[in-house]
Amino acid sequence: HKEHIAAYGEGNERRLTGPDETADMNTFLWGVANRGASVRVGRQTEKAGKGYFEERRPASNMDPYVVTSMIADTTILWKP
């Protein structure tokens, strides 16, 4: 979580405060149709057991290549 936050752009400490529709930057939460979560899963994705998720933490000034590679490494390529 901390590695992702560090790569998700500048100013997230002002934006990811908790009460404003995303979990605070020190907390990772996920949920189905949960606008307060760090990662939101759509209702259809839950129902179908496949689909998309929305990563809500990256700022608009992030490097899309860095963030996309981190998400892919964490969700697709990760091996415990």
N, C-alpha and C. Protein backbone atom coordinates (compact mmCIF):
# COMPACT_ATOMS: atom_id res chain seq x y z
N HIS A 1 0.83 -1.19 0.00
CA HIS A 1 0.00 0.00 0.00
C HIS A 1 0.87 1.25 0.00
N LYS A 2 1.88 1.29 0.86
CA LYS A 2 2.73 2.49 0.95
C LYS A 2 3.50 2.73 -0.35
N GLU A 3 3.95 1.66 -1.00
CA GLU A 3 4.66 1.81 -2.27
C GLU A 3 3.74 2.39 -3.34
N HIS A 4 2.50 1.95 -3.36
CA HIS A 4 1.55 2.47 -4.33
C HIS A 4 1.26 3.95 -4.06
N ILE A 5 0.99 4.30 -2.83
CA ILE A 5 0.70 5.70 -2.48
C ILE A 5 1.86 6.60 -2.89
N ALA A 6 3.09 6.14 -2.66
CA ALA A 6 4.26 6.95 -3.01
C ALA A 6 4.34 7.22 -4.51
N ALA A 7 3.81 6.32 -5.32
CA ALA A 7 3.88 6.46 -6.78
C ALA A 7 2.63 7.09 -7.38
N TYR A 8 1.63 7.37 -6.58
CA TYR A 8 0.34 7.80 -7.09
C TYR A 8 0.20 9.31 -7.26
N GLY A 9 1.30 10.03 -7.31
CA GLY A 9 1.26 11.45 -7.60
C GLY A 9 1.42 12.31 -6.36
N GLU A 10 1.67 13.58 -6.61
CA GLU A 10 1.88 14.54 -5.52
C GLU A 10 0.55 15.11 -5.04
N GLY A 11 0.51 15.46 -3.76
CA GLY A 11 -0.66 16.12 -3.20
C GLY A 11 -1.72 15.18 -2.64
N ASN A 12 -1.45 13.88 -2.65
CA ASN A 12 -2.45 12.95 -2.13
C ASN A 12 -2.72 13.13 -0.64
N GLU A 13 -1.77 13.67 0.08
CA GLU A 13 -2.00 13.91 1.52
C GLU A 13 -3.11 14.94 1.73
N ARG A 14 -3.31 15.82 0.76
CA ARG A 14 -4.40 16.81 0.85
C ARG A 14 -5.72 16.25 0.32
N ARG A 15 -5.64 15.30 -0.59
CA ARG A 15 -6.83 14.78 -1.26
C ARG A 15 -7.39 13.54 -0.57
N LEU A 16 -6.52 12.64 -0.14
CA LEU A 16 -6.96 11.39 0.47
C LEU A 16 -7.03 11.53 1.99
N THR A 17 -8.04 12.26 2.43
CA THR A 17 -8.16 12.56 3.87
C THR A 17 -9.14 11.66 4.60
N GLY A 18 -9.99 10.95 3.88
CA GLY A 18 -10.95 10.06 4.53
C GLY A 18 -12.39 10.47 4.37
N PRO A 19 -12.79 11.65 4.81
CA PRO A 19 -14.21 11.99 4.74
C PRO A 19 -14.71 12.36 3.33
N ASP A 20 -13.81 12.55 2.39
CA ASP A 20 -14.22 13.03 1.07
C ASP A 20 -14.25 11.93 0.01
N GLU A 21 -15.05 10.91 0.22
CA GLU A 21 -15.34 9.87 -0.75
C GLU A 21 -14.20 8.92 -1.09
N THR A 22 -13.14 8.90 -0.35
CA THR A 22 -12.08 7.92 -0.51
C THR A 22 -11.43 7.72 0.85
N ALA A 23 -10.98 6.51 1.12
CA ALA A 23 -10.31 6.23 2.40
C ALA A 23 -9.08 7.12 2.54
N ASP A 24 -8.67 7.37 3.77
CA ASP A 24 -7.47 8.19 3.96
C ASP A 24 -6.25 7.46 3.42
N MET A 25 -5.19 8.20 3.15
CA MET A 25 -4.04 7.63 2.45
C MET A 25 -3.28 6.59 3.26
N ASN A 26 -3.54 6.47 4.56
CA ASN A 26 -2.87 5.46 5.38
C ASN A 26 -3.68 4.20 5.55
N THR A 27 -4.87 4.15 4.94
CA THR A 27 -5.78 3.02 5.09
C THR A 27 -6.15 2.48 3.72
N PHE A 28 -6.05 1.17 3.55
CA PHE A 28 -6.51 0.55 2.31
C PHE A 28 -7.84 -0.13 2.58
N LEU A 29 -8.85 0.22 1.81
CA LEU A 29 -10.17 -0.40 1.89
C LEU A 29 -10.63 -0.75 0.48
N TRP A 30 -11.31 -1.85 0.34
CA TRP A 30 -11.95 -2.16 -0.92
C TRP A 30 -13.39 -2.54 -0.62
N GLY A 31 -14.25 -2.39 -1.59
CA GLY A 31 -15.64 -2.74 -1.39
C GLY A 31 -16.44 -2.69 -2.66
N VAL A 32 -17.55 -3.40 -2.64
CA VAL A 32 -18.45 -3.43 -3.79
C VAL A 32 -19.33 -2.18 -3.72
N ALA A 33 -19.29 -1.39 -4.78
CA ALA A 33 -20.08 -0.16 -4.89
C ALA A 33 -19.88 0.78 -3.71
N ASN A 34 -18.70 0.76 -3.13
CA ASN A 34 -18.38 1.58 -1.96
C ASN A 34 -17.58 2.80 -2.39
N ARG A 35 -18.20 3.96 -2.42
CA ARG A 35 -17.51 5.18 -2.84
C ARG A 35 -16.46 5.64 -1.83
N GLY A 36 -16.48 5.10 -0.64
CA GLY A 36 -15.49 5.46 0.36
C GLY A 36 -14.28 4.55 0.36
N ALA A 37 -14.23 3.59 -0.56
CA ALA A 37 -13.13 2.62 -0.60
C ALA A 37 -11.98 3.13 -1.46
N SER A 38 -10.80 2.60 -1.20
CA SER A 38 -9.62 2.89 -2.03
C SER A 38 -9.79 2.25 -3.41
N VAL A 39 -10.30 1.02 -3.40
CA VAL A 39 -10.57 0.28 -4.63
C VAL A 39 -12.04 -0.13 -4.62
N ARG A 40 -12.75 0.27 -5.64
CA ARG A 40 -14.17 -0.03 -5.72
C ARG A 40 -14.42 -1.07 -6.80
N VAL A 41 -15.20 -2.09 -6.45
CA VAL A 41 -15.60 -3.15 -7.36
C VAL A 41 -17.05 -2.90 -7.73
N GLY A 42 -17.36 -2.98 -9.01
CA GLY A 42 -18.73 -2.75 -9.46
C GLY A 42 -19.67 -3.89 -9.07
N ARG A 43 -20.93 -3.58 -8.94
CA ARG A 43 -21.93 -4.60 -8.57
C ARG A 43 -21.98 -5.73 -9.60
N GLN A 44 -21.91 -5.38 -10.89
CA GLN A 44 -21.94 -6.41 -11.93
C GLN A 44 -20.71 -7.31 -11.86
N THR A 45 -19.57 -6.75 -11.49
CA THR A 45 -18.35 -7.54 -11.35
C THR A 45 -18.53 -8.56 -10.23
N GLU A 46 -19.09 -8.13 -9.11
CA GLU A 46 -19.33 -9.06 -8.01
C GLU A 46 -20.32 -10.14 -8.45
N LYS A 47 -21.37 -9.74 -9.11
CA LYS A 47 -22.41 -10.68 -9.53
C LYS A 47 -21.87 -11.71 -10.52
N ALA A 48 -21.09 -11.25 -11.50
CA ALA A 48 -20.56 -12.13 -12.54
C ALA A 48 -19.31 -12.89 -12.08
N GLY A 49 -18.67 -12.40 -11.01
CA GLY A 49 -17.42 -13.03 -10.57
C GLY A 49 -16.24 -12.66 -11.43
N LYS A 50 -16.41 -11.66 -12.27
CA LYS A 50 -15.34 -11.17 -13.14
C LYS A 50 -15.72 -9.78 -13.62
N GLY A 51 -14.73 -9.04 -14.07
CA GLY A 51 -15.02 -7.70 -14.56
C GLY A 51 -13.93 -6.72 -14.20
N TYR A 52 -14.33 -5.55 -13.78
CA TYR A 52 -13.37 -4.47 -13.54
C TYR A 52 -13.37 -4.04 -12.07
N PHE A 53 -12.34 -3.28 -11.73
CA PHE A 53 -12.32 -2.58 -10.45
C PHE A 53 -11.82 -1.18 -10.71
N GLU A 54 -12.10 -0.28 -9.81
CA GLU A 54 -11.70 1.12 -9.94
C GLU A 54 -10.72 1.46 -8.83
N GLU A 55 -9.50 1.78 -9.20
CA GLU A 55 -8.48 2.23 -8.25
C GLU A 55 -8.66 3.73 -8.08
N ARG A 56 -9.06 4.17 -6.90
CA ARG A 56 -9.46 5.56 -6.69
C ARG A 56 -8.37 6.45 -6.10
N ARG A 57 -7.19 5.91 -5.83
CA ARG A 57 -6.16 6.69 -5.16
C ARG A 57 -5.23 7.51 -6.04
N PRO A 58 -4.92 7.12 -7.28
CA PRO A 58 -3.97 7.92 -8.06
C PRO A 58 -4.47 9.35 -8.33
N ALA A 59 -3.55 10.28 -8.23
CA ALA A 59 -3.85 11.69 -8.51
C ALA A 59 -3.72 11.94 -10.02
N SER A 60 -4.24 13.04 -10.47
CA SER A 60 -4.18 13.35 -11.90
C SER A 60 -2.76 13.63 -12.38
N ASN A 61 -1.85 13.92 -11.46
CA ASN A 61 -0.46 14.20 -11.86
C ASN A 61 0.45 12.98 -11.77
N MET A 62 -0.13 11.79 -11.63
CA MET A 62 0.67 10.57 -11.55
C MET A 62 1.21 10.20 -12.94
N ASP A 63 2.21 9.33 -12.97
CA ASP A 63 2.74 8.80 -14.22
C ASP A 63 1.91 7.56 -14.55
N PRO A 64 1.10 7.59 -15.60
CA PRO A 64 0.21 6.46 -15.89
C PRO A 64 0.95 5.15 -16.15
N TYR A 65 2.17 5.21 -16.67
CA TYR A 65 2.93 3.99 -16.93
C TYR A 65 3.39 3.35 -15.62
N VAL A 66 3.82 4.16 -14.68
CA VAL A 66 4.25 3.65 -13.38
C VAL A 66 3.07 3.05 -12.64
N VAL A 67 1.97 3.76 -12.59
CA VAL A 67 0.79 3.29 -11.85
C VAL A 67 0.22 2.03 -12.48
N THR A 68 0.10 2.00 -13.80
CA THR A 68 -0.43 0.82 -14.47
C THR A 68 0.45 -0.39 -14.23
N SER A 69 1.77 -0.22 -14.29
CA SER A 69 2.66 -1.36 -14.06
C SER A 69 2.57 -1.84 -12.61
N MET A 70 2.42 -0.92 -11.67
CA MET A 70 2.30 -1.33 -10.26
C MET A 70 1.00 -2.10 -10.03
N ILE A 71 -0.09 -1.62 -10.60
CA ILE A 71 -1.38 -2.32 -10.45
C ILE A 71 -1.31 -3.70 -11.10
N ALA A 72 -0.71 -3.79 -12.30
CA ALA A 72 -0.58 -5.09 -12.97
C ALA A 72 0.29 -6.04 -12.14
N ASP A 73 1.40 -5.54 -11.63
CA ASP A 73 2.28 -6.39 -10.79
C ASP A 73 1.54 -6.90 -9.56
N THR A 74 0.72 -6.05 -8.96
CA THR A 74 0.02 -6.41 -7.73
C THR A 74 -1.17 -7.33 -7.98
N THR A 75 -1.88 -7.12 -9.07
CA THR A 75 -3.13 -7.87 -9.27
C THR A 75 -3.02 -9.04 -10.23
N ILE A 76 -2.11 -8.96 -11.20
CA ILE A 76 -2.02 -10.02 -12.20
C ILE A 76 -0.78 -10.87 -12.01
N LEU A 77 0.35 -10.24 -11.78
CA LEU A 77 1.63 -10.94 -11.77
C LEU A 77 2.12 -11.35 -10.38
N TRP A 78 1.45 -10.87 -9.33
CA TRP A 78 1.89 -11.11 -7.96
C TRP A 78 1.89 -12.58 -7.63
N LYS A 79 2.97 -13.04 -6.99
CA LYS A 79 3.04 -14.42 -6.52
C LYS A 79 3.38 -14.40 -5.05
N PRO A 80 2.54 -15.05 -4.24
CA PRO A 80 2.77 -15.04 -2.78
C PRO A 80 4.04 -15.76 -2.39
